[in-house]
Amino acid sequence: MKKLSIYLFLIFFSFHLPSYSNDLKEFVIEDMSIGDSLLDHISKEEIKKFNIDSNNNSVFKRIQLLSNDFSLLKTYDGMHIWIDPNDKDYLIHGIEAMLIFKNDISNCLFKKDEILKEISGMFKNNKQKSKENENHSQDKSGKSKTFRNFISINQSSKYYELELACYDWSEEMQFLDHFRISIITDKVNDILEMETIIK
């Protein structure tokens, strides 16, 4: 992994934590926040080009940003941005940022736990749950594992708005081990839950 030590140092400077606020809009990742217009960062043509969701029935779509395509990514290797494609302002409803830890799950877990501790200290009334060392549903062999922590910072939310996760893929799956932080609004989670029930 390129410049691992620099990435580990910089991650807190690209993920700005709010000061005692329960508003997701206060979280900033790569200068992006919930409620921002994605048009402030990339063009409408790029939004259409990098849409990765083919399901036309879904209300929200994900735009994939990779560091080798977009210079705006200074720390993370990739991001998924959730938008409503029918919204002319392309407001951001969800952010997922990924940092590669190729064959280095121990450092991934260390970084995840560091960020979890930092967030927990900022939100005294936060609600949490964890799912550690679970089999990944995409790998039928059971060799790929996920380590996930869920955090709710707003008591009025129906969901855990934040997720910190490490993905430890088996060699057979040919995916890269990585850390992921996700910040998702209730509007997106409503749709995701509905689609899960339908499937």
Protein backbone atom coordinates (compact mmCIF):
# COMPACT_ATOMS: atom_id res chain seq x y z
CA MET A 1 0.00 0.00 0.00
CA LYS A 2 1.42 3.37 -0.99
CA LYS A 3 2.56 5.69 1.80
CA LEU A 4 0.70 3.79 4.52
CA SER A 5 2.27 5.73 7.39
CA ILE A 6 1.27 9.06 5.80
CA TYR A 7 -2.30 7.88 5.31
CA LEU A 8 -2.53 6.75 8.91
CA PHE A 9 -1.30 10.16 10.05
CA LEU A 10 -3.55 12.18 7.78
CA ILE A 11 -6.82 10.34 8.28
CA PHE A 12 -7.93 12.49 11.21
CA PHE A 13 -7.19 15.66 9.28
CA SER A 14 -9.48 14.64 6.43
CA PHE A 15 -12.24 13.40 8.73
CA HIS A 16 -13.13 16.43 10.85
CA LEU A 17 -15.12 15.61 13.94
CA PRO A 18 -17.81 18.03 15.10
CA SER A 19 -17.72 19.53 18.58
CA TYR A 20 -20.65 18.19 20.59
CA SER A 21 -23.18 18.32 17.76
CA ASN A 22 -25.74 15.70 16.74
CA ASP A 23 -25.91 16.95 13.16
CA LEU A 24 -24.46 14.70 10.46
CA LYS A 25 -23.79 17.80 8.37
CA GLU A 26 -20.96 18.67 10.73
CA PHE A 27 -18.90 15.65 9.65
CA VAL A 28 -16.45 16.51 6.88
CA ILE A 29 -14.69 13.90 4.75
CA GLU A 30 -12.44 15.13 1.93
CA ASP A 31 -14.14 18.55 2.23
CA MET A 32 -17.59 16.98 1.66
CA SER A 33 -20.53 16.94 4.06
CA ILE A 34 -24.09 15.68 4.13
CA GLY A 35 -26.30 18.33 2.51
CA ASP A 36 -23.55 19.73 0.26
CA SER A 37 -24.06 19.83 -3.48
CA LEU A 38 -21.88 17.28 -5.25
CA LEU A 39 -21.69 19.81 -8.09
CA ASP A 40 -19.37 21.85 -5.88
CA HIS A 41 -16.81 19.06 -6.28
CA ILE A 42 -17.35 17.37 -9.66
CA SER A 43 -19.24 18.14 -12.86
CA LYS A 44 -22.69 16.89 -13.87
CA GLU A 45 -21.05 14.87 -16.66
CA GLU A 46 -18.77 13.13 -14.15
CA ILE A 47 -21.73 12.40 -11.88
CA LYS A 48 -23.46 10.58 -14.73
CA LYS A 49 -20.27 8.84 -15.85
CA PHE A 50 -19.30 7.48 -12.46
CA ASN A 51 -22.76 6.32 -11.32
CA ILE A 52 -22.28 2.69 -10.22
CA ASP A 53 -25.89 1.67 -9.46
CA SER A 54 -27.74 0.01 -12.31
CA ASN A 55 -31.00 -0.50 -10.40
CA ASN A 56 -33.37 2.04 -11.96
CA ASN A 57 -35.97 1.52 -9.24
CA SER A 58 -33.75 2.85 -6.48
CA VAL A 59 -34.43 6.42 -5.34
CA PHE A 60 -30.78 7.08 -4.54
CA LYS A 61 -27.69 6.37 -6.61
CA ARG A 62 -24.04 6.01 -5.65
CA ILE A 63 -21.28 7.89 -7.40
CA GLN A 64 -17.88 6.23 -7.18
CA LEU A 65 -14.84 8.48 -6.80
CA LEU A 66 -11.38 6.92 -6.98
CA SER A 67 -8.12 8.65 -6.13
CA ASN A 68 -6.60 7.85 -9.52
CA ASP A 69 -9.54 9.60 -11.25
CA PHE A 70 -10.15 12.56 -8.94
CA SER A 71 -7.46 14.81 -7.48
CA LEU A 72 -9.94 16.03 -4.86
CA LEU A 73 -9.26 12.82 -2.89
CA LYS A 74 -6.27 13.72 -0.75
CA THR A 75 -6.33 10.95 1.85
CA TYR A 76 -8.81 8.25 0.93
CA ASP A 77 -8.40 5.78 -1.91
CA GLY A 78 -12.05 5.90 -2.88
CA MET A 79 -15.49 7.21 -1.96
CA HIS A 80 -19.13 6.42 -2.64
CA ILE A 81 -21.45 9.43 -2.61
CA TRP A 82 -25.23 8.91 -2.32
CA ILE A 83 -27.42 11.33 -4.30
CA ASP A 84 -30.94 11.59 -5.68
CA PRO A 85 -30.41 11.73 -9.48
CA ASN A 86 -33.68 13.66 -9.86
CA ASP A 87 -32.41 16.44 -7.61
CA LYS A 88 -30.98 19.18 -9.84
CA ASP A 89 -28.67 20.29 -7.03
CA TYR A 90 -27.35 16.75 -6.46
CA LEU A 91 -27.36 17.14 -2.68
CA ILE A 92 -25.28 14.57 -0.81
CA HIS A 93 -27.32 12.11 1.29
CA GLY A 94 -24.55 9.70 2.19
CA ILE A 95 -20.76 9.40 2.18
CA GLU A 96 -18.65 6.25 2.28
CA ALA A 97 -14.87 6.67 2.29
CA MET A 98 -12.44 3.80 1.83
CA LEU A 99 -8.78 3.43 2.75
CA ILE A 100 -6.87 0.40 1.46
CA PHE A 101 -5.04 -1.86 3.93
CA LYS A 102 -3.77 -4.55 1.56
CA ASN A 103 -3.05 -7.73 3.55
CA ASP A 104 -2.84 -5.61 6.70
CA ILE A 105 -6.04 -6.19 8.66
CA SER A 106 -4.32 -5.56 12.01
CA ASN A 107 -3.53 -1.93 11.16
CA CYS A 108 -7.02 -1.54 9.72
CA LEU A 109 -8.57 -2.69 13.01
CA PHE A 110 -6.23 -0.42 14.97
CA LYS A 111 -7.30 2.61 12.93
CA LYS A 112 -10.98 1.68 13.21
CA ASP A 113 -10.75 1.42 16.99
CA GLU A 114 -8.90 4.76 17.20
CA ILE A 115 -11.65 6.57 15.29
CA LEU A 116 -14.37 4.78 17.27
CA LYS A 117 -12.81 5.96 20.52
CA GLU A 118 -12.56 9.52 19.20
CA ILE A 119 -16.21 9.63 18.12
CA SER A 120 -17.38 8.01 21.36
CA GLY A 121 -15.63 10.73 23.34
CA MET A 122 -17.33 13.48 21.34
CA PHE A 123 -20.87 12.14 21.76
CA LYS A 124 -21.65 11.21 25.34
CA ASN A 125 -25.16 9.94 24.59
CA ASN A 126 -24.28 7.95 21.49
CA LYS A 127 -25.70 4.46 20.95
CA GLN A 128 -23.45 1.72 19.62
CA LYS A 129 -23.40 -1.89 18.55
CA SER A 130 -20.73 -4.06 16.97
CA LYS A 131 -20.53 -7.09 14.70
CA GLU A 132 -17.01 -8.44 14.85
CA ASN A 133 -15.39 -11.20 12.81
CA GLU A 134 -18.49 -12.09 10.80
CA ASN A 135 -18.49 -13.96 7.50
CA HIS A 136 -18.96 -11.72 4.48
CA SER A 137 -22.12 -12.69 2.62
CA GLN A 138 -20.41 -12.44 -0.80
CA ASP A 139 -17.86 -15.11 0.05
CA LYS A 140 -19.62 -18.47 0.32
CA SER A 141 -16.42 -20.11 1.56
CA GLY A 142 -16.65 -18.20 4.85
CA LYS A 143 -13.04 -17.08 4.60
CA SER A 144 -13.75 -13.35 4.14
CA LYS A 145 -14.51 -11.48 7.36
CA THR A 146 -16.04 -8.15 8.35
CA PHE A 147 -15.46 -6.15 11.55
CA ARG A 148 -18.09 -3.46 11.99
CA ASN A 149 -19.08 -0.83 14.56
CA PHE A 150 -22.34 1.12 14.31
CA ILE A 151 -22.93 4.48 15.97
CA SER A 152 -26.08 6.55 16.42
CA ILE A 153 -25.50 10.15 17.50
CA ASN A 154 -29.04 11.47 17.12
CA GLN A 155 -31.68 9.97 19.39
CA SER A 156 -34.44 10.81 16.91
CA SER A 157 -32.80 8.70 14.16
CA LYS A 158 -34.30 5.30 13.37
CA TYR A 159 -30.90 3.92 12.38
CA TYR A 160 -27.24 3.88 13.25
CA GLU A 161 -26.09 6.78 11.05
CA LEU A 162 -22.37 6.01 11.21
CA GLU A 163 -20.54 2.78 10.47
CA LEU A 164 -16.85 1.99 10.84
CA ALA A 165 -15.74 -1.23 9.21
CA CYS A 166 -12.75 -3.32 8.18
CA TYR A 167 -13.06 -5.85 5.37
CA ASP A 168 -10.67 -8.80 5.41
CA TRP A 169 -11.07 -10.54 2.05
CA SER A 170 -9.84 -14.03 1.20
CA GLU A 171 -7.31 -14.33 -1.62
CA GLU A 172 -9.87 -16.14 -3.75
CA MET A 173 -12.20 -13.12 -3.77
CA GLN A 174 -9.44 -10.90 -5.23
CA PHE A 175 -10.71 -7.78 -3.44
CA LEU A 176 -8.52 -5.41 -1.44
CA ASP A 177 -8.70 -5.37 2.36
CA HIS A 178 -9.85 -1.92 3.42
CA PHE A 179 -11.25 0.38 6.09
CA ARG A 180 -14.54 2.13 5.44
CA ILE A 181 -16.37 4.92 7.22
CA SER A 182 -20.00 5.47 6.24
CA ILE A 183 -22.28 8.37 7.10
CA ILE A 184 -25.81 7.72 5.83
CA THR A 185 -29.04 9.68 6.33
CA ASP A 186 -32.33 8.12 7.40
CA LYS A 187 -33.76 8.82 3.93
CA VAL A 188 -31.18 6.54 2.30
CA ASN A 189 -31.48 3.92 5.03
CA ASP A 190 -35.26 3.84 4.56
CA ILE A 191 -34.82 2.94 0.89
CA LEU A 192 -32.06 0.39 1.59
CA GLU A 193 -34.22 -1.32 4.20
CA MET A 194 -37.22 -1.39 1.87
CA GLU A 195 -35.17 -2.89 -0.97
CA THR A 196 -33.79 -5.55 1.40
CA ILE A 197 -37.32 -6.56 2.40
CA ILE A 198 -38.45 -6.74 -1.24
CA LYS A 199 -35.51 -8.93 -2.19
